[in-house]
Protein backbone atom coordinates (compact mmCIF):
# COMPACT_ATOMS: atom_id res chain seq x y z
CA UNK A 1 142.38 207.94 300.49
CA UNK A 2 144.86 207.89 303.34
CA UNK A 3 147.45 205.15 302.77
CA UNK A 4 147.79 204.46 306.49
CA UNK A 5 144.09 203.61 306.65
CA UNK A 6 144.35 201.24 303.69
CA UNK A 7 147.36 199.50 305.21
CA UNK A 8 145.45 198.87 308.43
CA UNK A 9 142.30 197.69 306.65
CA UNK A 10 144.37 195.24 304.62
CA UNK A 11 145.42 193.52 307.85
CA UNK A 12 141.88 192.24 308.46
CA UNK A 13 140.82 188.76 307.40
CA UNK A 14 138.47 189.17 304.41
CA UNK A 15 134.87 188.06 304.07
CA UNK A 16 133.02 187.71 300.77
CA UNK A 17 129.77 189.43 299.90
CA UNK A 18 127.96 186.07 299.89
CA UNK A 19 129.21 185.14 303.36
CA UNK A 20 128.52 188.63 304.64
CA UNK A 21 124.97 188.34 303.35
CA UNK A 22 124.42 185.45 305.73
CA UNK A 23 125.16 187.86 308.57
CA UNK A 24 122.94 190.61 307.18
CA UNK A 25 120.63 192.24 309.68
CA UNK A 26 117.70 193.77 307.85
CA UNK A 27 115.89 194.09 311.20
CA UNK A 28 118.22 195.26 313.92
CA UNK A 29 119.09 197.65 316.72
CA UNK A 30 121.58 200.35 315.77
CA UNK A 31 124.16 202.32 317.72
CA UNK A 32 125.95 205.22 316.03
CA UNK A 33 129.18 206.87 317.08
CA UNK A 34 130.85 209.99 315.66
CA UNK A 35 134.65 210.01 315.79
CA UNK A 36 137.53 211.71 313.99
CA UNK A 37 139.77 210.19 311.35
CA UNK A 38 142.65 209.96 313.85
CA UNK A 39 140.33 208.12 316.27
CA UNK A 40 139.63 205.59 313.53
CA UNK A 41 143.34 205.04 312.85
CA UNK A 42 143.81 204.31 316.57
CA UNK A 43 140.76 202.04 316.84
CA UNK A 44 141.12 199.68 313.88
CA UNK A 45 144.39 197.92 314.91
CA UNK A 46 142.71 196.96 318.21
CA UNK A 47 139.95 194.96 316.50
CA UNK A 48 141.87 193.27 313.67
CA UNK A 49 141.70 189.82 315.27
CA UNK A 50 138.00 189.98 316.10
CA UNK A 51 136.42 191.20 312.85
CA UNK A 52 136.46 190.38 309.14
CA UNK A 53 136.30 193.03 306.44
CA UNK A 54 134.18 192.89 303.31
CA UNK A 55 136.33 192.39 300.21
CA UNK A 56 135.04 192.50 296.63
CA UNK A 57 137.44 192.15 293.71
CA UNK A 58 140.41 193.05 295.93
CA UNK A 59 138.71 196.20 297.22
CA UNK A 60 137.91 196.89 300.87
CA UNK A 61 136.88 200.52 300.70
CA UNK A 62 133.72 201.19 298.70
CA UNK A 63 132.09 204.30 297.32
CA UNK A 64 128.39 204.84 297.99
CA UNK A 65 126.12 207.29 296.21
CA UNK A 66 122.77 207.78 297.94
CA UNK A 67 119.88 209.88 296.71
CA UNK A 68 117.08 210.51 299.22
CA UNK A 69 113.48 211.16 298.20
CA UNK A 70 110.83 213.15 299.98
CA UNK A 71 107.48 214.82 299.38
CA UNK A 72 107.19 218.41 298.15
CA UNK A 73 106.63 219.57 301.74
CA UNK A 74 109.41 217.27 303.13
CA UNK A 75 107.06 215.07 305.14
CA UNK A 76 109.65 212.31 305.72
CA UNK A 77 112.23 214.81 306.95
CA UNK A 78 109.71 216.52 309.22
CA UNK A 79 108.69 213.18 310.75
CA UNK A 80 112.25 212.82 311.98
CA UNK A 81 112.61 216.49 312.94
CA UNK A 82 109.42 216.35 315.01
CA UNK A 83 110.53 213.22 316.86
CA UNK A 84 107.92 210.87 315.46
CA UNK A 85 108.86 207.35 316.50
CA UNK A 86 107.27 205.45 313.62
CA UNK A 87 109.07 207.02 310.69
CA UNK A 88 110.79 206.05 307.47
CA UNK A 89 113.11 207.17 304.73
CA UNK A 90 113.18 206.34 301.02
CA UNK A 91 116.43 206.36 299.09
CA UNK A 92 118.19 205.06 296.01
CA UNK A 93 121.54 203.61 296.96
CA UNK A 94 124.19 203.05 294.30
CA UNK A 95 127.19 200.84 294.97
CA UNK A 96 129.45 202.84 292.69
CA UNK A 97 132.20 200.22 292.34
CA UNK A 98 129.76 197.60 291.01
CA UNK A 99 127.13 199.98 289.55
CA UNK A 100 124.32 198.17 291.37
CA UNK A 101 121.29 200.18 292.47
CA UNK A 102 118.64 199.53 295.08
CA UNK A 103 115.57 201.46 296.09
CA UNK A 104 115.43 201.16 299.87
CA UNK A 105 112.83 201.92 302.49
CA UNK A 106 114.25 202.27 306.00
CA UNK A 107 111.61 202.01 308.71
CA UNK A 108 112.10 202.73 312.42
CA UNK A 109 109.36 201.72 314.83
CA UNK A 110 108.44 203.07 318.26
CA UNK A 111 110.65 200.46 319.95
CA UNK A 112 113.78 201.78 318.26
CA UNK A 113 114.07 198.78 315.93
CA UNK A 114 115.08 199.50 312.34
CA UNK A 115 113.81 197.42 309.44
CA UNK A 116 115.22 197.88 305.95
CA UNK A 117 113.62 196.55 302.78
CA UNK A 118 114.86 197.06 299.26
CA UNK A 119 114.35 196.25 295.61
CA UNK A 120 116.72 196.45 292.65
CA UNK A 121 116.19 199.44 290.42
CA UNK A 122 117.78 201.62 287.77
CA UNK A 123 119.96 204.56 288.78
CA UNK A 124 117.20 206.89 287.61
CA UNK A 125 114.30 205.51 289.63
CA UNK A 126 111.02 205.32 287.72
CA UNK A 127 108.29 205.75 290.32
CA UNK A 128 105.70 204.94 287.68
CA UNK A 129 107.16 201.45 287.37
CA UNK A 130 104.61 198.95 288.66
CA UNK A 131 107.10 196.97 290.75
CA UNK A 132 108.45 200.12 292.40
CA UNK A 133 104.97 201.42 293.11
CA UNK A 134 103.77 198.12 294.59
CA UNK A 135 106.93 197.80 296.66
CA UNK A 136 106.41 201.14 298.40
CA UNK A 137 102.69 200.63 298.83
CA UNK A 138 103.29 197.23 300.42
CA UNK A 139 105.88 198.38 302.94
CA UNK A 140 105.01 202.02 303.57
CA UNK A 141 101.50 202.56 302.24
CA UNK A 142 102.91 205.51 300.33
CA UNK A 143 101.97 206.77 296.88
CA UNK A 144 105.44 207.05 295.37
CA UNK A 145 104.24 209.55 292.77
CA UNK A 146 104.44 212.15 295.54
CA UNK A 147 108.19 211.58 296.00
CA UNK A 148 111.02 213.51 294.36
CA UNK A 149 114.80 213.88 295.00
CA UNK A 150 115.67 215.88 298.11
CA UNK A 151 119.42 215.50 298.76
CA UNK A 152 122.40 213.49 297.51
CA UNK A 153 125.01 211.98 299.85
CA UNK A 154 128.34 210.45 298.81
CA UNK A 155 130.77 208.67 301.12
CA UNK A 156 133.24 205.81 301.40
CA UNK A 157 132.45 202.75 303.52
CA UNK A 158 134.33 199.95 305.25
CA UNK A 159 132.13 197.04 306.34
CA UNK A 160 133.08 194.65 309.15
CA UNK A 161 131.55 191.47 310.54
CA UNK A 162 132.19 190.19 314.05
CA UNK A 163 133.77 186.72 314.04
CA UNK A 164 131.99 185.50 317.16
CA UNK A 165 128.81 187.58 317.59
CA UNK A 166 125.87 188.53 315.39
CA UNK A 167 127.12 192.00 314.66
CA UNK A 168 127.92 194.14 311.64
CA UNK A 169 129.81 197.40 311.69
CA UNK A 170 129.85 200.06 308.99
CA UNK A 171 132.43 202.83 308.94
CA UNK A 172 131.55 205.83 306.78
CA UNK A 173 133.96 208.64 305.95
CA UNK A 174 134.36 211.47 303.50
CA UNK A 175 130.69 212.44 303.67
CA UNK A 176 129.72 214.90 300.95
CA UNK A 177 126.25 216.43 300.69
CA UNK A 178 124.92 218.15 297.59
CA UNK A 179 121.63 219.63 296.41
CA UNK A 180 120.83 222.13 293.67
CA UNK A 181 124.41 223.32 293.25
CA UNK A 182 125.12 223.58 296.99
CA UNK A 183 127.74 221.28 298.52
CA UNK A 184 129.21 220.51 301.94
CA UNK A 185 131.89 217.98 302.93
CA UNK A 186 132.88 216.53 306.32
CA UNK A 187 136.51 215.51 305.73
CA UNK A 188 137.40 214.69 309.35
CA UNK A 189 134.16 213.01 310.40
CA UNK A 190 133.79 209.23 310.68
CA UNK A 191 130.42 207.65 311.42
CA UNK A 192 130.53 204.17 312.94
CA UNK A 193 127.27 202.26 313.02
CA UNK A 194 127.08 199.08 315.06
CA UNK A 195 124.21 196.85 313.96
CA UNK A 196 123.17 193.91 316.10
CA UNK A 197 120.14 191.87 317.11
CA UNK A 198 120.81 192.20 320.84
CA UNK A 199 122.67 194.03 323.56
CA UNK A 200 125.91 192.04 323.64
CA UNK A 201 128.77 194.26 324.79
CA UNK A 202 131.08 193.53 321.88
CA UNK A 203 134.70 194.60 321.56
CA UNK A 204 134.11 197.64 319.38
CA UNK A 205 131.37 198.93 321.68
CA UNK A 206 133.64 198.54 324.71
CA UNK A 207 136.59 200.25 323.03
CA UNK A 208 134.50 203.19 321.87
CA UNK A 209 132.95 203.67 325.28
CA UNK A 210 136.28 203.20 327.06
CA UNK A 211 137.61 206.16 325.07
CA UNK A 212 134.58 208.23 326.08
CA UNK A 213 132.78 207.87 322.74
CA UNK A 214 129.07 207.86 323.50
CA UNK A 215 126.34 206.70 321.13
CA UNK A 216 124.63 209.56 319.37
CA UNK A 217 121.34 209.98 317.57
CA UNK A 218 122.48 210.82 314.06
CA UNK A 219 120.82 210.79 310.67
CA UNK A 220 123.14 211.50 307.74
CA UNK A 221 120.08 212.60 305.80
CA UNK A 222 118.88 215.09 308.42
CA UNK A 223 122.38 216.47 309.05
CA UNK A 224 122.74 217.13 305.33
CA UNK A 225 119.35 218.81 305.16
CA UNK A 226 120.43 221.06 308.05
CA UNK A 227 123.83 221.93 306.59
CA UNK A 228 122.45 222.87 303.18
CA UNK A 229 119.36 224.60 304.61
CA UNK A 230 117.00 222.60 302.43
CA UNK A 231 114.03 223.17 304.75
CA UNK A 232 113.21 225.92 307.24
CA UNK A 233 112.57 223.38 310.01
CA UNK A 234 116.10 222.91 311.41
CA UNK A 235 116.27 223.79 315.11
CA UNK A 236 115.96 220.24 316.44
CA UNK A 237 119.19 219.25 314.68
CA UNK A 238 121.21 222.32 315.65
CA UNK A 239 122.82 220.80 318.77
CA UNK A 240 123.64 217.61 316.87
CA UNK A 241 125.49 219.53 314.17
CA UNK A 242 127.27 221.76 316.71
CA UNK A 243 128.58 218.64 318.52
CA UNK A 244 129.87 217.23 315.23
CA UNK A 245 131.57 220.50 314.30
CA UNK A 246 133.21 220.68 317.74
CA UNK A 247 134.43 217.09 317.44
CA UNK A 248 136.04 217.42 314.03
CA UNK A 249 137.64 220.77 314.90
CA UNK A 250 139.92 219.03 317.41
């Protein structure tokens, strides 16, 4: 990983996982921004005094391995593709550095509010496990036996917490998609997600907008499905991917 990035990240005041958990927003409003790696290098020094960075065992940059699940006919993907407001995703997220796994259900309602629920699991999720089955039935009313792996996404993440507002920021880079031997990597793409419980115009939002970075509707899952041509339904994500490709080609 770029040494300049690590040097900048190390300038932030740290926050522990326990303290960060107190600021966790399982139900929140999200704003996503797509920027380049150079944009990130310019942005981070401007927010050092206002945010803390998650640190675990002297690490501040963490590897994530995420496996998404869908039905045989990709119902969950199509719900997003077709613009359905009440939709959800199911994924197994592995925090590679600590080898901790969670099965997560991410639910977005028709008001644009995202709610995330999760349960600890093994890396190889057993959908016949009673706890797993009951978990998905409770939150999604879904028979998990109809789910199977659809796409794998790897990336590195920096996690920030605002010192004065209820706000968390995740910074994802090095996105790599893979499915059935096919692979695609976005080396110059950085996805910033600002998670808050309100509409406070925080520093990072102002800085991004002041540099003409507008919020975008972006699903890492759907972008990956488009890039690797996993399903024939793709047209509604074409413009999104073209914008990303134009951005990172600069």
